[in-house]
Protein backbone atom coordinates (compact mmCIF):
# COMPACT_ATOMS: atom_id res chain seq x y z
CA UNK A 1 195.47 140.00 103.94
CA UNK A 2 195.20 142.56 106.72
CA UNK A 3 193.00 141.84 109.72
CA UNK A 4 192.57 143.88 112.88
CA UNK A 5 193.72 142.03 116.05
CA UNK A 6 191.01 140.62 118.30
CA UNK A 7 190.44 138.87 121.60
CA UNK A 8 186.67 138.30 121.34
CA UNK A 9 185.72 135.67 118.70
CA UNK A 10 182.30 137.33 118.36
CA UNK A 11 183.88 140.67 117.48
CA UNK A 12 183.58 142.11 114.00
CA UNK A 13 187.05 142.96 112.71
CA UNK A 14 187.88 145.14 109.68
CA UNK A 15 189.55 143.28 106.83
CA UNK A 16 191.55 144.43 103.81
CA UNK A 17 192.64 142.28 100.88
CA UNK A 18 196.39 142.48 100.24
CA UNK A 19 197.98 139.61 98.33
CA UNK A 20 201.80 139.63 98.66
CA UNK A 21 203.86 140.45 95.58
CA UNK A 22 205.63 137.10 96.03
CA UNK A 23 202.32 135.30 95.43
CA UNK A 24 201.78 137.22 92.19
CA UNK A 25 205.29 136.36 91.05
CA UNK A 26 204.75 132.70 91.94
CA UNK A 27 201.54 132.61 89.90
CA UNK A 28 203.19 134.04 86.80
CA UNK A 29 206.09 131.63 87.17
CA UNK A 30 203.78 128.63 87.47
CA UNK A 31 201.74 129.76 84.47
CA UNK A 32 204.89 130.14 82.38
CA UNK A 33 205.93 126.58 83.25
CA UNK A 34 202.57 124.94 82.51
CA UNK A 35 202.93 121.46 81.03
CA UNK A 36 200.07 121.07 78.58
CA UNK A 37 198.42 117.79 77.61
CA UNK A 38 197.96 116.63 74.04
CA UNK A 39 195.00 118.25 72.30
CA UNK A 40 191.59 116.65 72.55
CA UNK A 41 190.47 114.25 69.82
CA UNK A 42 187.17 116.03 69.14
CA UNK A 43 186.35 119.45 67.71
CA UNK A 44 184.01 120.50 70.52
CA UNK A 45 183.90 120.68 74.34
CA UNK A 46 182.66 117.11 74.87
CA UNK A 47 186.02 116.03 76.37
CA UNK A 48 186.34 119.18 78.47
CA UNK A 49 188.10 122.48 77.84
CA UNK A 50 189.88 122.42 74.47
CA UNK A 51 193.60 123.00 74.94
CA UNK A 52 193.66 125.99 72.59
CA UNK A 53 191.02 127.80 74.68
CA UNK A 54 192.78 126.94 77.93
CA UNK A 55 196.07 128.24 76.50
CA UNK A 56 194.44 131.53 75.50
CA UNK A 57 192.93 131.98 78.98
CA UNK A 58 196.21 131.19 80.72
CA UNK A 59 198.18 133.48 78.40
CA UNK A 60 195.83 136.35 79.28
CA UNK A 61 196.15 135.53 82.97
CA UNK A 62 199.94 135.51 82.78
CA UNK A 63 200.51 138.59 80.64
CA UNK A 64 197.46 140.89 80.68
CA UNK A 65 195.43 140.29 83.83
CA UNK A 66 195.77 142.81 86.68
CA UNK A 67 194.99 141.36 90.10
CA UNK A 68 195.71 144.70 91.80
CA UNK A 69 192.83 146.23 89.84
CA UNK A 70 190.44 143.65 91.26
CA UNK A 71 191.98 143.89 94.73
CA UNK A 72 191.31 147.64 94.72
CA UNK A 73 187.75 146.99 93.58
CA UNK A 74 187.19 144.65 96.53
CA UNK A 75 188.72 147.11 98.94
CA UNK A 76 186.33 149.87 97.86
CA UNK A 77 183.76 148.05 99.99
CA UNK A 78 183.85 147.69 103.79
CA UNK A 79 184.97 144.13 104.58
CA UNK A 80 185.04 142.29 107.86
CA UNK A 81 185.74 139.01 109.62
CA UNK A 82 183.82 137.51 112.50
CA UNK A 83 184.16 134.08 114.05
CA UNK A 84 180.97 131.99 114.03
CA UNK A 85 180.87 128.37 115.20
CA UNK A 86 184.65 128.27 115.25
CA UNK A 87 185.19 129.51 111.67
CA UNK A 88 186.12 133.01 110.50
CA UNK A 89 183.44 134.35 108.18
CA UNK A 90 184.53 137.02 105.72
CA UNK A 91 181.86 139.40 104.48
CA UNK A 92 181.20 142.69 102.74
CA UNK A 93 178.74 144.95 104.54
CA UNK A 94 177.38 148.13 102.98
CA UNK A 95 174.59 150.06 104.69
CA UNK A 96 172.24 152.23 102.66
CA UNK A 97 171.86 155.88 103.58
CA UNK A 98 168.15 155.68 102.80
CA UNK A 99 165.69 155.19 105.67
CA UNK A 100 163.65 152.02 105.54
CA UNK A 101 166.35 150.01 103.74
CA UNK A 102 165.76 146.27 104.05
CA UNK A 103 168.86 144.27 105.06
CA UNK A 104 169.59 141.40 102.67
CA UNK A 105 172.22 138.67 102.74
CA UNK A 106 173.42 137.58 99.27
CA UNK A 107 174.96 134.10 99.04
CA UNK A 108 177.13 132.81 96.20
CA UNK A 109 177.70 129.22 95.09
CA UNK A 110 180.46 127.19 93.43
CA UNK A 111 182.49 128.15 91.49
CA UNK A 112 181.08 131.49 92.52
CA UNK A 113 182.37 134.03 95.00
CA UNK A 114 181.66 137.47 96.41
CA UNK A 115 183.02 138.81 93.10
CA UNK A 116 179.74 138.14 91.33
CA UNK A 117 177.82 140.58 93.55
CA UNK A 118 180.13 143.60 93.38
CA UNK A 119 178.25 145.33 90.54
CA UNK A 120 174.98 144.87 92.41
CA UNK A 121 175.96 146.53 95.69
CA UNK A 122 175.67 150.12 94.46
CA UNK A 123 172.26 149.73 92.78
CA UNK A 124 170.88 147.84 95.80
CA UNK A 125 172.14 150.26 98.46
CA UNK A 126 171.66 153.48 96.48
CA UNK A 127 168.92 152.94 93.87
CA UNK A 128 168.50 156.65 93.06
CA UNK A 129 172.10 156.92 91.87
CA UNK A 130 171.42 154.05 89.45
CA UNK A 131 168.06 155.10 88.03
CA UNK A 132 165.92 153.45 90.70
CA UNK A 133 163.62 154.42 93.55
CA UNK A 134 165.01 155.14 97.02
CA UNK A 135 162.14 153.11 98.46
CA UNK A 136 163.79 149.98 97.03
CA UNK A 137 166.95 150.40 99.12
CA UNK A 138 168.77 147.53 100.82
CA UNK A 139 171.53 147.17 103.35
CA UNK A 140 173.74 144.54 101.71
CA UNK A 141 175.65 141.73 103.41
CA UNK A 142 177.77 139.48 101.16
CA UNK A 143 179.52 136.65 103.04
CA UNK A 144 182.02 134.18 101.64
CA UNK A 145 180.91 130.60 102.26
CA UNK A 146 183.06 128.68 104.78
CA UNK A 147 186.04 127.26 102.88
CA UNK A 148 185.66 129.85 100.11
CA UNK A 149 187.60 133.03 99.44
CA UNK A 150 188.77 134.86 102.54
CA UNK A 151 186.53 132.95 104.95
CA UNK A 152 188.18 130.37 107.17
CA UNK A 153 188.49 126.74 106.14
CA UNK A 154 186.59 124.34 108.41
CA UNK A 155 188.85 121.79 110.10
CA UNK A 156 186.05 119.39 110.98
CA UNK A 157 183.18 117.76 109.14
CA UNK A 158 179.58 118.84 109.50
CA UNK A 159 179.52 122.13 107.62
CA UNK A 160 176.43 121.33 105.57
CA UNK A 161 174.02 123.96 104.26
CA UNK A 162 171.92 123.90 107.44
CA UNK A 163 174.97 124.76 109.53
CA UNK A 164 175.91 127.51 107.09
CA UNK A 165 172.36 128.88 107.23
CA UNK A 166 172.55 128.94 111.03
CA UNK A 167 175.82 130.87 110.75
CA UNK A 168 174.14 133.40 108.43
CA UNK A 169 171.30 133.88 110.93
CA UNK A 170 173.87 134.55 113.65
CA UNK A 171 175.74 136.93 111.35
CA UNK A 172 172.62 139.01 110.73
CA UNK A 173 171.81 139.00 114.46
CA UNK A 174 175.37 140.07 115.24
CA UNK A 175 175.04 142.96 112.78
CA UNK A 176 172.00 144.15 114.69
CA UNK A 177 169.32 143.29 112.15
CA UNK A 178 165.95 142.14 113.48
CA UNK A 179 164.19 142.10 110.08
CA UNK A 180 166.01 140.91 106.95
CA UNK A 181 165.76 139.01 103.66
CA UNK A 182 168.00 136.49 101.89
CA UNK A 183 168.92 135.82 98.26
CA UNK A 184 170.94 133.18 96.47
CA UNK A 185 171.60 130.95 93.48
CA UNK A 186 173.45 127.64 93.05
CA UNK A 187 174.77 126.62 96.51
CA UNK A 188 173.73 130.09 97.63
CA UNK A 189 170.20 129.09 96.68
CA UNK A 190 170.51 125.91 98.75
CA UNK A 191 171.71 127.88 101.78
CA UNK A 192 168.95 130.45 101.28
CA UNK A 193 166.38 127.65 100.99
CA UNK A 194 167.71 126.16 104.23
CA UNK A 195 167.21 129.54 105.87
CA UNK A 196 163.63 129.53 104.60
CA UNK A 197 163.05 126.09 106.08
CA UNK A 198 164.40 127.02 109.53
CA UNK A 199 162.76 130.50 109.54
CA UNK A 200 165.13 132.14 112.01
CA UNK A 201 163.96 135.20 113.91
CA UNK A 202 163.84 138.22 111.63
CA UNK A 203 163.83 136.49 108.25
CA UNK A 204 160.97 138.02 106.26
CA UNK A 205 161.40 136.31 102.89
CA UNK A 206 163.63 135.02 100.12
CA UNK A 207 164.57 135.66 96.53
CA UNK A 208 165.91 132.67 94.59
CA UNK A 209 167.37 132.50 91.11
CA UNK A 210 167.95 128.76 91.61
CA UNK A 211 164.73 127.28 92.96
CA UNK A 212 164.98 123.79 94.42
CA UNK A 213 161.46 122.70 93.66
CA UNK A 214 161.53 119.29 91.98
CA UNK A 215 158.70 117.09 93.29
CA UNK A 216 159.80 114.27 95.57
CA UNK A 217 158.28 111.89 93.02
CA UNK A 218 158.17 113.05 89.41
CA UNK A 219 154.74 112.33 87.84
CA UNK A 220 154.45 109.94 84.92
CA UNK A 221 152.66 112.54 82.81
CA UNK A 222 154.55 115.79 82.33
CA UNK A 223 153.88 119.10 80.62
CA UNK A 224 156.47 120.24 78.06
CA UNK A 225 157.97 122.60 80.65
CA UNK A 226 158.16 119.81 83.25
CA UNK A 227 159.73 117.43 80.73
CA UNK A 228 162.31 120.12 79.93
CA UNK A 229 163.18 120.28 83.63
CA UNK A 230 163.55 116.49 83.87
CA UNK A 231 165.75 116.44 80.77
CA UNK A 232 167.76 119.36 82.15
CA UNK A 233 168.39 117.55 85.42
CA UNK A 234 169.58 114.48 83.52
CA UNK A 235 171.95 116.69 81.52
CA UNK A 236 173.13 118.45 84.68
CA UNK A 237 173.77 115.16 86.48
CA UNK A 238 175.22 113.40 83.42
CA UNK A 239 177.20 115.32 80.81
CA UNK A 240 177.75 118.33 83.12
CA UNK A 241 178.13 116.33 86.31
CA UNK A 242 181.79 115.30 86.24
CA UNK A 243 183.11 117.97 88.59
CA UNK A 244 180.09 117.69 90.89
CA UNK A 245 180.54 113.91 91.22
CA UNK A 246 184.27 114.16 91.83
CA UNK A 247 183.89 116.93 94.42
CA UNK A 248 181.12 115.08 96.24
CA UNK A 249 183.19 111.88 96.46
CA UNK A 250 186.91 112.81 96.38
CA UNK A 251 187.27 116.58 96.95
CA UNK A 252 190.75 116.29 98.43
CA UNK A 253 192.11 114.35 95.46
CA UNK A 254 191.10 117.00 92.96
CA UNK A 255 192.08 119.67 95.48
CA UNK A 256 195.68 118.49 95.49
CA UNK A 257 195.89 118.85 91.72
CA UNK A 258 194.21 122.26 91.62
CA UNK A 259 196.23 123.65 94.54
CA UNK A 260 199.43 122.93 92.60
CA UNK A 261 198.42 124.02 89.09
CA UNK A 262 196.90 127.42 88.36
CA UNK A 263 196.28 126.32 84.76
CA UNK A 264 194.30 123.38 86.13
CA UNK A 265 192.37 125.64 88.49
CA UNK A 266 191.57 127.97 85.61
CA UNK A 267 190.33 125.16 83.35
CA UNK A 268 188.27 123.62 86.17
CA UNK A 269 186.28 126.82 86.64
CA UNK A 270 186.34 128.01 83.02
CA UNK A 271 184.51 124.87 81.88
CA UNK A 272 181.63 125.71 84.23
CA UNK A 273 181.37 129.23 82.89
CA UNK A 274 181.28 127.85 79.35
CA UNK A 275 178.68 125.16 80.01
CA UNK A 276 176.24 127.10 82.22
CA UNK A 277 176.14 130.66 80.90
CA UNK A 278 173.84 132.16 78.27
CA UNK A 279 176.44 132.11 75.50
CA UNK A 280 176.73 131.35 71.79
CA UNK A 281 179.32 128.62 72.26
CA UNK A 282 181.98 130.23 74.42
CA UNK A 283 181.93 131.62 77.95
CA UNK A 284 183.46 134.81 76.54
CA UNK A 285 180.14 135.51 74.80
CA UNK A 286 178.53 135.95 78.22
CA UNK A 287 181.36 137.04 80.51
CA UNK A 288 184.42 139.23 80.18
CA UNK A 289 187.69 137.33 80.44
CA UNK A 290 188.84 139.50 83.34
CA UNK A 291 185.59 138.78 85.21
CA UNK A 292 186.26 135.06 84.92
CA UNK A 293 189.86 135.54 85.99
CA UNK A 294 188.77 137.58 89.01
CA UNK A 295 186.90 134.53 90.24
CA UNK A 296 189.65 132.10 89.26
CA UNK A 297 192.32 134.24 90.90
CA UNK A 298 190.31 134.48 94.10
CA UNK A 299 190.23 130.68 94.32
CA UNK A 300 193.95 130.48 93.48
CA UNK A 301 195.30 133.07 95.91
CA UNK A 302 193.20 131.73 98.80
CA UNK A 303 194.14 128.11 97.97
CA UNK A 304 190.50 127.16 98.36
CA UNK A 305 190.06 124.51 95.64
CA UNK A 306 189.82 121.64 98.13
CA UNK A 307 188.05 123.48 100.94
CA UNK A 308 185.39 124.88 98.59
CA UNK A 309 184.88 121.51 96.89
CA UNK A 310 183.96 119.96 100.24
CA UNK A 311 180.56 121.69 100.15
CA UNK A 312 179.63 118.94 97.67
CA UNK A 313 180.94 116.21 99.98
CA UNK A 314 179.16 117.66 103.01
CA UNK A 315 175.84 117.79 101.14
CA UNK A 316 176.21 114.73 98.91
CA UNK A 317 172.81 113.36 99.97
CA UNK A 318 171.00 116.48 98.74
CA UNK A 319 168.74 116.78 95.73
CA UNK A 320 166.80 119.31 93.66
CA UNK A 321 163.68 118.34 95.61
CA UNK A 322 163.94 121.06 98.21
CA UNK A 323 161.68 121.54 101.25
CA UNK A 324 158.26 123.11 100.92
CA UNK A 325 158.44 126.65 102.28
CA UNK A 326 155.70 128.73 103.88
CA UNK A 327 157.35 132.13 104.23
CA UNK A 328 157.25 134.61 101.31
CA UNK A 329 159.42 133.52 98.37
CA UNK A 330 160.21 135.37 95.13
CA UNK A 331 161.66 133.46 92.18
CA UNK A 332 163.33 134.55 88.96
CA UNK A 333 164.08 131.87 86.38
CA UNK A 334 166.87 132.56 83.88
CA UNK A 335 166.47 130.97 80.43
CA UNK A 336 169.82 129.18 80.16
CA UNK A 337 169.91 127.85 83.72
CA UNK A 338 170.38 124.09 84.08
CA UNK A 339 167.97 122.64 85.06
CA UNK A 340 165.27 125.21 84.36
CA UNK A 341 162.24 124.58 86.54
CA UNK A 342 158.61 125.17 85.53
CA UNK A 343 156.29 127.53 87.37
CA UNK A 344 153.93 124.66 88.25
CA UNK A 345 156.51 122.98 90.48
CA UNK A 346 157.67 126.30 91.95
CA UNK A 347 154.12 127.23 92.93
CA UNK A 348 153.62 123.80 94.49
CA UNK A 349 156.79 124.10 96.58
CA UNK A 350 156.49 127.71 97.77
CA UNK A 351 153.10 128.23 99.39
CA UNK A 352 153.53 131.99 99.53
CA UNK A 353 155.05 132.77 96.12
CA UNK A 354 154.96 136.58 96.09
CA UNK A 355 156.71 137.02 92.75
CA UNK A 356 157.59 134.90 89.74
CA UNK A 357 159.37 136.05 86.58
CA UNK A 358 161.26 134.60 83.65
CA UNK A 359 164.21 136.72 82.57
CA UNK A 360 164.94 137.27 78.88
CA UNK A 361 168.67 136.55 79.13
CA UNK A 362 171.09 134.84 81.49
CA UNK A 363 172.13 131.45 82.73
CA UNK A 364 173.21 129.75 85.93
CA UNK A 365 175.54 132.58 87.02
CA UNK A 366 172.84 135.24 87.00
CA UNK A 367 174.61 137.71 89.30
CA UNK A 368 177.74 137.68 87.14
CA UNK A 369 175.98 137.52 83.76
CA UNK A 370 173.00 139.82 84.28
CA UNK A 371 173.55 141.89 87.44
CA UNK A 372 171.14 144.62 86.34
CA UNK A 373 168.34 142.16 85.71
CA UNK A 374 168.94 140.41 89.01
CA UNK A 375 168.90 143.73 90.88
CA UNK A 376 165.57 144.63 89.25
CA UNK A 377 164.18 141.22 90.15
CA UNK A 378 165.29 141.42 93.78
CA UNK A 379 163.66 144.84 94.03
CA UNK A 380 160.42 143.65 92.43
CA UNK A 381 160.36 140.31 94.22
CA UNK A 382 160.84 141.68 97.71
CA UNK A 383 158.83 144.88 97.25
CA UNK A 384 155.62 143.25 98.57
CA UNK A 385 157.38 142.54 101.87
CA UNK A 386 158.12 146.24 102.40
CA UNK A 387 154.41 146.95 102.59
CA UNK A 388 154.29 144.67 105.62
CA UNK A 389 157.31 146.06 107.46
CA UNK A 390 155.24 146.65 110.62
CA UNK A 391 153.69 143.19 110.61
CA UNK A 392 155.00 139.95 111.99
CA UNK A 393 157.99 138.64 109.98
CA UNK A 394 156.01 135.70 108.60
CA UNK A 395 152.65 137.34 107.86
CA UNK A 396 151.51 136.08 104.42
CA UNK A 397 151.33 138.64 101.63
CA UNK A 398 149.28 138.71 98.47
CA UNK A 399 150.39 136.31 95.76
CA UNK A 400 151.64 137.73 92.47
């Protein structure tokens, strides 16, 4: 990686991704020497990633995947580092050329990364070039969470979502924005929700594709949609919850294994893509193999398995019962998300729900699976806030 020298921690330094050739050679060597376990004793994914599917993914990674292609794609966008609260924060920052563009910070989750937003940057910053309206333009800021990707790895405890949200507010202030919006899903949705709860100066509203709106106490009588959400949470916490539980209790233990084995790192993330995307039985139905390997490679080359897993440990007391928010919130629910929340609970949690929609396709990784739909939903969801650009940042707008 190439970083401009600096003396002032608050400075914003240009950054370029440049993984050494030796690291690429080391990866291929490790992949070639993978020691595989015996095959599973079932004919489905109930014991985890089937060995035959893991072998196919690793073979593609070793022989056909081109990291330099993805590296060049990253470097097409202006990237920077700035030190906030003692940690280097890596971020992409693309300003729109259109007047009146609304700044927006997009936050990924786990096992997400900045990679999932790359196809959205052009349509958000330059809508006209992608069949949209210039009046829907955004300045886009895409930071890597602390401990993820090219951001620094915290060396002390305490980096919970509230601290991350405070860092994001400082980042937007440092970039000179006095009026901005925020968007996120998965852990990015938790950070964005934390921003909504603290309402820092300049934050005008949120878009969430993972709403944290479970009631603090679930009623005894539930509608079919509410029962689906309860069942989905049980599935998320139970059958799908192995990695979450391990990372919230022993992130360093699993981190040691994943830091040493790229095949293990690949399987660890691949299973999440398979279980949480809108697919017909395989992750490859929803995502291109190279898209998955872009994400996996980013975790591998930055050695961030352990440091990224600690977000679960730092927030292990959290729940899907998020805080009630009063600033404008837009929500898009994707059909194969887990859990999928009903509108009734979302309306009860967000007092100023300016937009609600249910997408036709997509799962938990909406930005990676359905970037076009998510772009359209961000535009539609935050459009009401543009009509109030001269008002106070927290003036209520009409409900949709």
